[in-house]
N, C-alpha and C. Protein backbone atom coordinates (compact mmCIF):
# COMPACT_ATOMS: atom_id res chain seq x y z
N UNK A 1 -196.11 -27.95 -108.47
CA UNK A 1 -197.12 -27.69 -109.43
C UNK A 1 -196.89 -27.76 -110.99
N UNK A 2 -197.51 -28.51 -111.48
CA UNK A 2 -197.42 -28.63 -113.12
C UNK A 2 -197.15 -27.28 -113.71
N UNK A 3 -196.20 -27.30 -114.49
CA UNK A 3 -196.11 -25.82 -115.22
C UNK A 3 -197.35 -25.54 -116.01
N UNK A 4 -198.08 -26.44 -116.67
CA UNK A 4 -198.97 -25.77 -117.34
C UNK A 4 -200.38 -25.38 -116.34
N UNK A 5 -200.45 -25.74 -115.41
CA UNK A 5 -201.50 -25.19 -114.23
C UNK A 5 -201.22 -23.95 -113.95
N UNK A 6 -200.41 -23.52 -113.91
CA UNK A 6 -199.83 -21.81 -113.74
C UNK A 6 -200.36 -20.88 -114.94
N UNK A 7 -200.45 -21.45 -116.29
CA UNK A 7 -200.87 -20.83 -117.53
C UNK A 7 -202.11 -21.09 -117.37
N UNK A 8 -202.75 -22.13 -116.79
CA UNK A 8 -204.06 -22.73 -117.36
C UNK A 8 -204.75 -21.62 -115.87
N UNK A 9 -204.45 -21.57 -114.73
CA UNK A 9 -205.32 -20.58 -113.78
C UNK A 9 -204.96 -19.13 -114.19
N UNK A 10 -204.03 -18.83 -114.71
CA UNK A 10 -203.63 -17.34 -115.17
C UNK A 10 -204.83 -16.93 -116.24
N UNK A 11 -205.12 -18.08 -117.34
CA UNK A 11 -206.04 -17.71 -118.41
C UNK A 11 -207.22 -17.87 -117.82
N UNK A 12 -207.70 -18.68 -116.77
CA UNK A 12 -209.02 -18.93 -116.27
C UNK A 12 -209.03 -17.36 -115.59
N UNK A 13 -208.39 -17.11 -114.85
CA UNK A 13 -208.36 -15.41 -114.07
C UNK A 13 -208.65 -14.71 -115.37
N UNK A 14 -207.85 -14.63 -116.55
CA UNK A 14 -207.86 -13.26 -117.42
C UNK A 14 -209.36 -13.67 -118.20
N UNK A 15 -209.84 -14.67 -118.17
CA UNK A 15 -211.17 -14.84 -118.64
C UNK A 15 -212.32 -14.41 -117.80
N UNK A 16 -212.20 -14.94 -116.59
CA UNK A 16 -212.88 -14.15 -115.38
C UNK A 16 -213.00 -12.73 -115.38
N UNK A 17 -212.02 -12.13 -115.07
CA UNK A 17 -211.87 -10.36 -115.43
C UNK A 17 -212.34 -9.85 -116.78
N UNK A 18 -212.16 -10.62 -117.71
CA UNK A 18 -212.75 -10.34 -119.12
C UNK A 18 -214.41 -10.28 -118.96
N UNK A 19 -214.58 -11.32 -118.49
CA UNK A 19 -216.60 -11.43 -118.31
C UNK A 19 -216.88 -10.03 -117.34
N UNK A 20 -216.29 -10.07 -116.19
CA UNK A 20 -216.64 -8.76 -115.35
C UNK A 20 -216.74 -7.42 -116.21
N UNK A 21 -215.45 -7.29 -117.11
CA UNK A 21 -215.22 -6.08 -118.01
C UNK A 21 -216.27 -5.97 -118.82
N UNK A 22 -216.88 -7.23 -119.24
CA UNK A 22 -218.04 -7.40 -120.62
C UNK A 22 -219.07 -6.69 -119.50
N UNK A 23 -219.58 -7.29 -118.58
CA UNK A 23 -221.02 -6.87 -117.71
C UNK A 23 -220.75 -5.38 -117.36
N UNK A 24 -219.43 -4.95 -116.76
CA UNK A 24 -219.24 -3.43 -116.66
C UNK A 24 -219.66 -2.44 -117.95
N UNK A 25 -218.87 -2.94 -119.05
CA UNK A 25 -219.27 -2.27 -120.32
C UNK A 25 -220.73 -2.30 -120.98
N UNK A 26 -221.11 -3.53 -120.62
CA UNK A 26 -222.65 -3.61 -121.17
C UNK A 26 -223.52 -2.75 -120.30
N UNK A 27 -223.23 -2.55 -119.06
CA UNK A 27 -224.04 -1.90 -117.87
C UNK A 27 -223.88 -0.40 -118.02
N UNK A 28 -222.81 -0.38 -117.21
CA UNK A 28 -222.40 1.20 -116.83
C UNK A 28 -221.94 1.93 -117.95
N UNK A 29 -221.29 1.33 -118.68
CA UNK A 29 -220.59 1.84 -119.99
C UNK A 29 -221.54 2.48 -120.83
N UNK A 30 -222.78 1.30 -121.17
CA UNK A 30 -223.85 1.96 -122.04
C UNK A 30 -224.50 2.93 -121.46
N UNK A 31 -224.90 2.54 -120.06
CA UNK A 31 -225.73 4.03 -119.73
C UNK A 31 -224.76 5.28 -119.46
N UNK A 32 -223.36 5.29 -119.36
CA UNK A 32 -222.69 6.58 -119.56
C UNK A 32 -222.79 6.77 -121.34
N UNK A 33 -222.81 6.19 -122.39
CA UNK A 33 -222.78 6.55 -123.75
C UNK A 33 -223.75 7.02 -124.03
N UNK A 34 -225.05 6.57 -123.48
CA UNK A 34 -226.30 7.09 -123.75
C UNK A 34 -226.66 8.40 -123.25
N UNK A 35 -226.32 8.35 -121.88
CA UNK A 35 -226.27 9.72 -121.23
C UNK A 35 -225.37 10.81 -122.00
N UNK A 36 -224.37 10.54 -122.46
CA UNK A 36 -223.51 11.61 -123.20
C UNK A 36 -224.20 11.91 -124.56
N UNK A 37 -224.82 10.90 -125.24
CA UNK A 37 -225.76 11.07 -126.37
C UNK A 37 -227.18 11.90 -126.06
N UNK A 38 -227.45 11.97 -124.75
CA UNK A 38 -229.11 12.38 -124.45
C UNK A 38 -228.48 14.01 -124.16
N UNK A 39 -227.38 14.34 -123.59
CA UNK A 39 -227.19 15.63 -123.14
C UNK A 39 -226.64 16.18 -124.29
N UNK A 40 -226.31 15.96 -125.23
CA UNK A 40 -225.72 16.56 -126.73
C UNK A 40 -223.91 16.65 -126.49
N UNK A 41 -223.85 15.46 -125.59
CA UNK A 41 -222.18 15.40 -125.65
C UNK A 41 -221.58 14.70 -127.26
N UNK A 42 -222.34 14.12 -127.82
CA UNK A 42 -221.70 13.65 -129.34
C UNK A 42 -222.80 14.27 -130.21
N UNK A 43 -221.94 14.58 -131.38
CA UNK A 43 -222.69 15.07 -132.36
C UNK A 43 -223.87 14.05 -132.89
N UNK A 44 -224.77 14.87 -133.45
CA UNK A 44 -225.88 13.94 -133.69
C UNK A 44 -225.37 13.22 -135.13
N UNK A 45 -224.83 13.49 -135.96
CA UNK A 45 -224.33 12.61 -137.08
C UNK A 45 -223.62 11.26 -136.65
N UNK A 46 -222.87 11.35 -135.48
CA UNK A 46 -222.11 10.44 -134.96
C UNK A 46 -222.55 9.39 -133.86
N UNK A 47 -224.22 9.51 -133.62
CA UNK A 47 -224.88 8.60 -132.73
C UNK A 47 -224.97 7.32 -133.21
N UNK A 48 -225.22 6.97 -134.39
CA UNK A 48 -225.43 5.90 -134.98
C UNK A 48 -223.99 4.93 -134.74
N UNK A 49 -223.17 5.80 -135.34
CA UNK A 49 -222.03 5.04 -135.40
C UNK A 49 -221.38 4.70 -133.83
N UNK A 50 -221.43 5.63 -133.31
CA UNK A 50 -221.02 4.94 -131.44
C UNK A 50 -221.62 4.21 -130.97
N UNK A 51 -223.16 4.10 -131.18
CA UNK A 51 -223.77 2.92 -130.85
C UNK A 51 -223.32 1.76 -131.55
N UNK A 52 -223.04 1.82 -133.04
CA UNK A 52 -222.70 0.59 -133.63
C UNK A 52 -221.52 0.01 -132.92
N UNK A 53 -220.30 0.81 -132.76
CA UNK A 53 -218.99 0.73 -132.46
C UNK A 53 -219.29 0.11 -130.70
N UNK A 54 -220.14 0.61 -130.22
CA UNK A 54 -220.56 0.26 -128.40
C UNK A 54 -221.09 -1.11 -128.61
N UNK A 55 -222.01 -1.77 -129.42
CA UNK A 55 -222.47 -2.86 -129.54
C UNK A 55 -221.27 -3.76 -129.88
N UNK A 56 -220.66 -3.32 -130.92
CA UNK A 56 -219.65 -4.53 -131.44
C UNK A 56 -218.55 -4.59 -130.43
N UNK A 57 -217.96 -3.76 -129.66
CA UNK A 57 -217.08 -3.85 -128.95
C UNK A 57 -217.52 -4.47 -127.84
N UNK A 58 -218.87 -4.15 -127.47
CA UNK A 58 -219.55 -5.62 -126.25
C UNK A 58 -219.27 -6.85 -126.60
N UNK A 59 -219.74 -7.15 -127.89
CA UNK A 59 -219.62 -8.47 -128.36
C UNK A 59 -218.16 -9.35 -128.63
N UNK A 60 -217.19 -8.27 -129.04
CA UNK A 60 -215.94 -8.96 -128.86
C UNK A 60 -215.23 -9.00 -127.82
N UNK A 61 -215.55 -8.12 -127.17
CA UNK A 61 -214.81 -8.09 -125.56
C UNK A 61 -215.43 -9.65 -124.75
N UNK A 62 -216.93 -9.99 -125.09
CA UNK A 62 -217.24 -11.16 -124.55
C UNK A 62 -216.69 -12.40 -125.52
N UNK A 63 -216.76 -12.03 -126.69
CA UNK A 63 -216.11 -13.45 -127.42
C UNK A 63 -214.48 -13.65 -126.96
N UNK A 64 -213.70 -12.59 -126.65
CA UNK A 64 -212.24 -12.81 -126.45
C UNK A 64 -212.19 -13.53 -124.96
N UNK A 65 -213.33 -13.10 -124.23
CA UNK A 65 -213.42 -13.77 -123.06
C UNK A 65 -213.78 -15.20 -123.03
N UNK A 66 -214.54 -15.59 -123.90
CA UNK A 66 -214.84 -17.14 -124.25
C UNK A 66 -213.52 -17.90 -124.78
N UNK A 67 -212.85 -17.06 -125.79
CA UNK A 67 -211.58 -17.54 -126.48
C UNK A 67 -210.57 -18.15 -125.27
N UNK A 68 -210.36 -17.08 -124.32
CA UNK A 68 -209.06 -17.35 -123.65
C UNK A 68 -210.12 -18.45 -122.69
N UNK A 69 -211.17 -18.83 -122.38
CA UNK A 69 -211.52 -19.79 -121.96
C UNK A 69 -211.33 -21.17 -122.33
N UNK A 70 -211.61 -21.16 -123.81
CA UNK A 70 -211.06 -22.33 -124.61
C UNK A 70 -209.69 -22.54 -124.67
N UNK A 71 -208.82 -21.72 -124.49
CA UNK A 71 -207.42 -22.00 -124.67
C UNK A 71 -206.86 -22.36 -123.61
N UNK A 72 -207.64 -22.18 -122.57
CA UNK A 72 -207.44 -22.51 -120.76
C UNK A 72 -206.91 -24.10 -121.00
N UNK A 73 -207.72 -24.89 -121.34
CA UNK A 73 -207.17 -26.19 -121.55
C UNK A 73 -205.88 -26.60 -122.45
N UNK A 74 -205.98 -26.18 -123.43
CA UNK A 74 -204.91 -26.40 -124.18
C UNK A 74 -203.70 -25.67 -123.67
N UNK A 75 -203.90 -24.51 -122.95
CA UNK A 75 -202.63 -24.04 -122.28
C UNK A 75 -202.01 -25.20 -121.24
N UNK A 76 -203.33 -25.84 -120.39
CA UNK A 76 -202.74 -26.90 -119.45
C UNK A 76 -202.02 -28.09 -120.28
N UNK A 77 -202.32 -28.40 -121.33
CA UNK A 77 -201.74 -29.40 -122.06
C UNK A 77 -200.47 -28.94 -122.48
N UNK A 78 -199.89 -27.88 -122.37
CA UNK A 78 -198.49 -27.27 -122.96
C UNK A 78 -198.90 -27.19 -124.42
N UNK A 79 -199.91 -26.90 -124.97
CA UNK A 79 -199.65 -26.79 -126.70
C UNK A 79 -199.15 -25.37 -127.10
N UNK A 80 -198.33 -25.30 -128.12
CA UNK A 80 -197.81 -24.14 -128.89
C UNK A 80 -198.67 -23.28 -129.34
N UNK A 81 -199.60 -24.24 -130.03
CA UNK A 81 -200.73 -23.02 -130.72
C UNK A 81 -201.50 -22.19 -129.62
N UNK A 82 -201.88 -22.82 -128.69
CA UNK A 82 -202.64 -22.18 -127.51
C UNK A 82 -201.63 -21.19 -126.77
N UNK A 83 -200.23 -21.38 -126.92
CA UNK A 83 -199.47 -20.56 -126.33
C UNK A 83 -199.17 -19.20 -127.12
N UNK A 84 -199.26 -19.54 -128.45
CA UNK A 84 -199.46 -18.37 -129.53
C UNK A 84 -200.45 -17.50 -129.16
N UNK A 85 -201.42 -18.05 -129.31
CA UNK A 85 -202.86 -17.46 -129.27
C UNK A 85 -203.00 -16.46 -127.76
N UNK A 86 -202.48 -17.18 -126.61
CA UNK A 86 -202.44 -16.59 -125.49
C UNK A 86 -201.52 -15.36 -125.43
N UNK A 87 -200.65 -15.45 -126.14
CA UNK A 87 -199.49 -14.29 -126.31
C UNK A 87 -200.12 -13.17 -127.07
N UNK A 88 -200.65 -13.66 -128.01
CA UNK A 88 -201.35 -12.43 -128.83
C UNK A 88 -202.43 -12.03 -128.13
N UNK A 89 -203.12 -12.35 -127.56
CA UNK A 89 -204.40 -11.96 -126.78
C UNK A 89 -203.42 -10.86 -125.54
N UNK A 90 -202.80 -11.65 -124.86
CA UNK A 90 -202.04 -10.67 -123.79
C UNK A 90 -201.25 -9.74 -124.41
N UNK A 91 -200.76 -9.58 -125.09
CA UNK A 91 -199.97 -8.51 -126.09
C UNK A 91 -201.08 -7.61 -126.60
N UNK A 92 -202.07 -7.88 -127.01
CA UNK A 92 -203.29 -6.98 -127.56
C UNK A 92 -204.02 -6.35 -126.29
N UNK A 93 -204.35 -7.09 -125.37
CA UNK A 93 -204.92 -6.06 -124.47
C UNK A 93 -203.90 -5.37 -123.91
N UNK A 94 -202.88 -5.61 -123.48
CA UNK A 94 -201.80 -4.83 -122.57
C UNK A 94 -201.23 -4.04 -123.76
N UNK A 95 -200.86 -4.02 -124.97
CA UNK A 95 -200.32 -3.08 -126.01
C UNK A 95 -201.50 -1.93 -125.99
N UNK A 96 -202.89 -2.76 -126.61
CA UNK A 96 -203.95 -1.68 -126.92
C UNK A 96 -204.41 -0.89 -125.68
N UNK A 97 -203.95 -1.14 -124.49
CA UNK A 97 -204.36 -0.32 -123.06
C UNK A 97 -203.17 0.80 -123.21
N UNK A 98 -202.07 0.09 -123.21
CA UNK A 98 -201.01 1.31 -123.34
C UNK A 98 -201.03 2.31 -124.34
N UNK A 99 -201.44 2.05 -125.70
CA UNK A 99 -201.39 2.92 -126.82
C UNK A 99 -202.66 3.75 -126.63
N UNK A 100 -203.83 3.22 -125.84
CA UNK A 100 -204.86 4.25 -125.57
C UNK A 100 -204.32 5.18 -124.50
N UNK A 101 -203.80 4.71 -123.55
CA UNK A 101 -203.34 5.81 -122.35
C UNK A 101 -202.20 6.73 -123.03
N UNK A 102 -201.75 6.30 -123.78
CA UNK A 102 -200.63 7.40 -124.51
C UNK A 102 -201.48 8.35 -125.23
N UNK A 103 -202.30 7.87 -125.92
CA UNK A 103 -203.25 8.56 -126.82
C UNK A 103 -204.31 9.53 -126.16
N UNK A 104 -204.98 8.89 -125.09
CA UNK A 104 -206.11 9.43 -124.28
C UNK A 104 -205.92 9.78 -122.82
N UNK A 105 -204.80 9.40 -122.27
CA UNK A 105 -204.60 9.89 -121.10
C UNK A 105 -204.90 8.35 -120.05
N UNK A 106 -204.21 8.50 -118.93
CA UNK A 106 -204.29 7.11 -117.99
C UNK A 106 -205.73 7.14 -117.52
N UNK A 107 -206.47 6.25 -117.76
CA UNK A 107 -208.00 6.04 -117.50
C UNK A 107 -208.19 4.40 -116.68
N UNK A 108 -208.90 4.59 -115.35
CA UNK A 108 -209.06 3.33 -114.81
C UNK A 108 -209.24 1.84 -115.46
N UNK A 109 -210.20 2.06 -116.33
CA UNK A 109 -210.40 0.82 -117.61
C UNK A 109 -209.46 0.50 -118.05
N UNK A 110 -208.47 1.59 -118.90
CA UNK A 110 -207.72 0.97 -119.46
C UNK A 110 -206.42 0.49 -118.81
N UNK A 111 -206.02 0.93 -117.68
CA UNK A 111 -205.33 0.22 -116.86
C UNK A 111 -205.76 -1.22 -116.41
N UNK A 112 -207.09 -1.23 -116.09
CA UNK A 112 -207.65 -2.87 -115.73
C UNK A 112 -207.28 -3.54 -116.94
N UNK A 113 -207.75 -3.35 -118.28
CA UNK A 113 -207.07 -4.09 -119.64
C UNK A 113 -205.73 -4.22 -119.56
N UNK A 114 -205.08 -3.28 -119.26
CA UNK A 114 -203.39 -3.97 -119.02
C UNK A 114 -203.15 -4.92 -117.99
N UNK A 115 -203.78 -4.71 -117.19
CA UNK A 115 -203.32 -5.88 -115.75
C UNK A 115 -204.02 -7.34 -116.22
N UNK A 116 -205.36 -7.10 -117.22
CA UNK A 116 -205.90 -8.37 -117.42
C UNK A 116 -204.69 -9.03 -118.45
N UNK A 117 -204.28 -8.24 -119.67
CA UNK A 117 -203.32 -8.89 -120.55
C UNK A 117 -202.06 -9.18 -120.10
N UNK A 118 -201.75 -8.36 -118.68
CA UNK A 118 -200.22 -8.88 -118.17
C UNK A 118 -200.72 -10.17 -117.43
N UNK A 119 -201.87 -10.22 -117.05
CA UNK A 119 -202.22 -11.46 -116.16
C UNK A 119 -202.10 -12.67 -117.05
N UNK A 120 -202.49 -12.71 -118.21
CA UNK A 120 -202.06 -13.60 -119.26
C UNK A 120 -200.78 -14.03 -119.88
N UNK A 121 -200.17 -12.74 -120.08
CA UNK A 121 -199.04 -12.59 -120.93
C UNK A 121 -197.72 -13.01 -119.98
N UNK A 122 -197.52 -12.51 -118.61
CA UNK A 122 -196.35 -12.81 -117.78
C UNK A 122 -196.01 -14.52 -117.43
N UNK A 123 -197.26 -15.17 -117.42
CA UNK A 123 -197.09 -16.79 -116.92
C UNK A 123 -196.76 -17.15 -118.30
N UNK A 124 -197.44 -17.03 -119.76
CA UNK A 124 -197.10 -17.63 -120.62
C UNK A 124 -195.61 -17.33 -120.86
N UNK A 125 -195.27 -16.02 -120.84
CA UNK A 125 -193.81 -15.94 -121.25
C UNK A 125 -192.65 -16.51 -120.24
N UNK A 126 -193.15 -16.47 -118.92
CA UNK A 126 -192.05 -17.26 -118.09
C UNK A 126 -192.20 -18.86 -118.22
N UNK A 127 -193.17 -19.36 -118.90
CA UNK A 127 -193.10 -20.85 -118.90
C UNK A 127 -193.01 -20.94 -120.40
N UNK A 128 -192.56 -20.10 -121.10
CA UNK A 128 -192.83 -20.11 -122.71
C UNK A 128 -191.89 -21.78 -123.03
N UNK A 129 -190.57 -21.98 -122.51
CA UNK A 129 -189.95 -23.25 -122.70
C UNK A 129 -190.82 -24.56 -122.59
N UNK A 130 -191.71 -24.67 -121.85
CA UNK A 130 -192.30 -25.83 -121.56
C UNK A 130 -193.33 -26.02 -122.49
N UNK A 131 -193.88 -25.35 -123.31
CA UNK A 131 -194.78 -25.70 -124.42
C UNK A 131 -194.27 -26.36 -125.53
N UNK A 132 -194.89 -27.46 -126.08
CA UNK A 132 -194.22 -28.08 -127.26
C UNK A 132 -194.90 -28.01 -128.33
N UNK A 133 -194.41 -28.18 -129.47
CA UNK A 133 -195.00 -28.21 -130.84
C UNK A 133 -196.06 -28.82 -131.03
N UNK A 134 -196.98 -28.50 -131.57
CA UNK A 134 -198.25 -29.29 -131.92
C UNK A 134 -198.26 -30.22 -133.10
N UNK A 135 -196.79 -30.18 -133.80
CA UNK A 135 -196.81 -30.88 -135.24
C UNK A 135 -196.73 -32.29 -134.67
N UNK A 136 -197.50 -33.47 -135.68
CA UNK A 136 -197.66 -34.51 -135.45
C UNK A 136 -196.31 -35.10 -136.54
N UNK A 137 -196.22 -36.32 -136.18
CA UNK A 137 -194.94 -36.87 -136.64
C UNK A 137 -195.50 -37.39 -138.14
N UNK A 138 -194.71 -37.33 -139.01
CA UNK A 138 -195.00 -37.27 -140.54
C UNK A 138 -195.41 -39.10 -140.66
N UNK A 139 -196.42 -39.60 -141.40
CA UNK A 139 -196.64 -41.01 -141.57
C UNK A 139 -196.15 -41.19 -142.40
N UNK A 140 -195.32 -42.59 -142.53
CA UNK A 140 -194.98 -43.13 -143.36
C UNK A 140 -195.47 -44.16 -144.19
N UNK A 141 -195.47 -43.60 -145.72
CA UNK A 141 -196.23 -44.55 -146.52
C UNK A 141 -195.97 -46.06 -146.66
N UNK A 142 -196.96 -46.50 -146.55
CA UNK A 142 -196.97 -47.85 -146.49
C UNK A 142 -196.70 -48.71 -147.93
N UNK A 143 -195.76 -49.60 -147.90
CA UNK A 143 -195.46 -50.33 -149.47
C UNK A 143 -196.68 -50.94 -149.71
N UNK A 144 -197.08 -51.34 -150.82
CA UNK A 144 -198.00 -52.28 -151.15
C UNK A 144 -197.42 -53.55 -151.23
N UNK A 145 -197.89 -54.53 -150.92
CA UNK A 145 -197.57 -56.02 -150.72
C UNK A 145 -197.60 -56.59 -152.00
């Protein structure tokens, strides 16, 4: 199997998992937040901030899923710039989930985000040597005749 296909497929899988996470975040998660607000589990002065953070995080989760899908084609072509972006996204999800688990305890959704990050990160690290530079050769200036 072509080396780029492994990274391409892992990126597609990570993108699909992020879209599923987005759907769950926007439906079940929003219902949970609104329920906490309704029963008084959130201080009244913090409600607008919590709502803003929730909407923003939903949008950013969706956008990161789309970003991973856009990177997939470049990963298939073994482009180094896409490799770096995939590494950063994978580290972000894995490291962010690990940090949140250290701070707030192990929770199912944090484990899921760590798994999504590792789904992207591990194949990219294993195939790192196959990715080539995106630099184009310098053009030689033509001499006037």
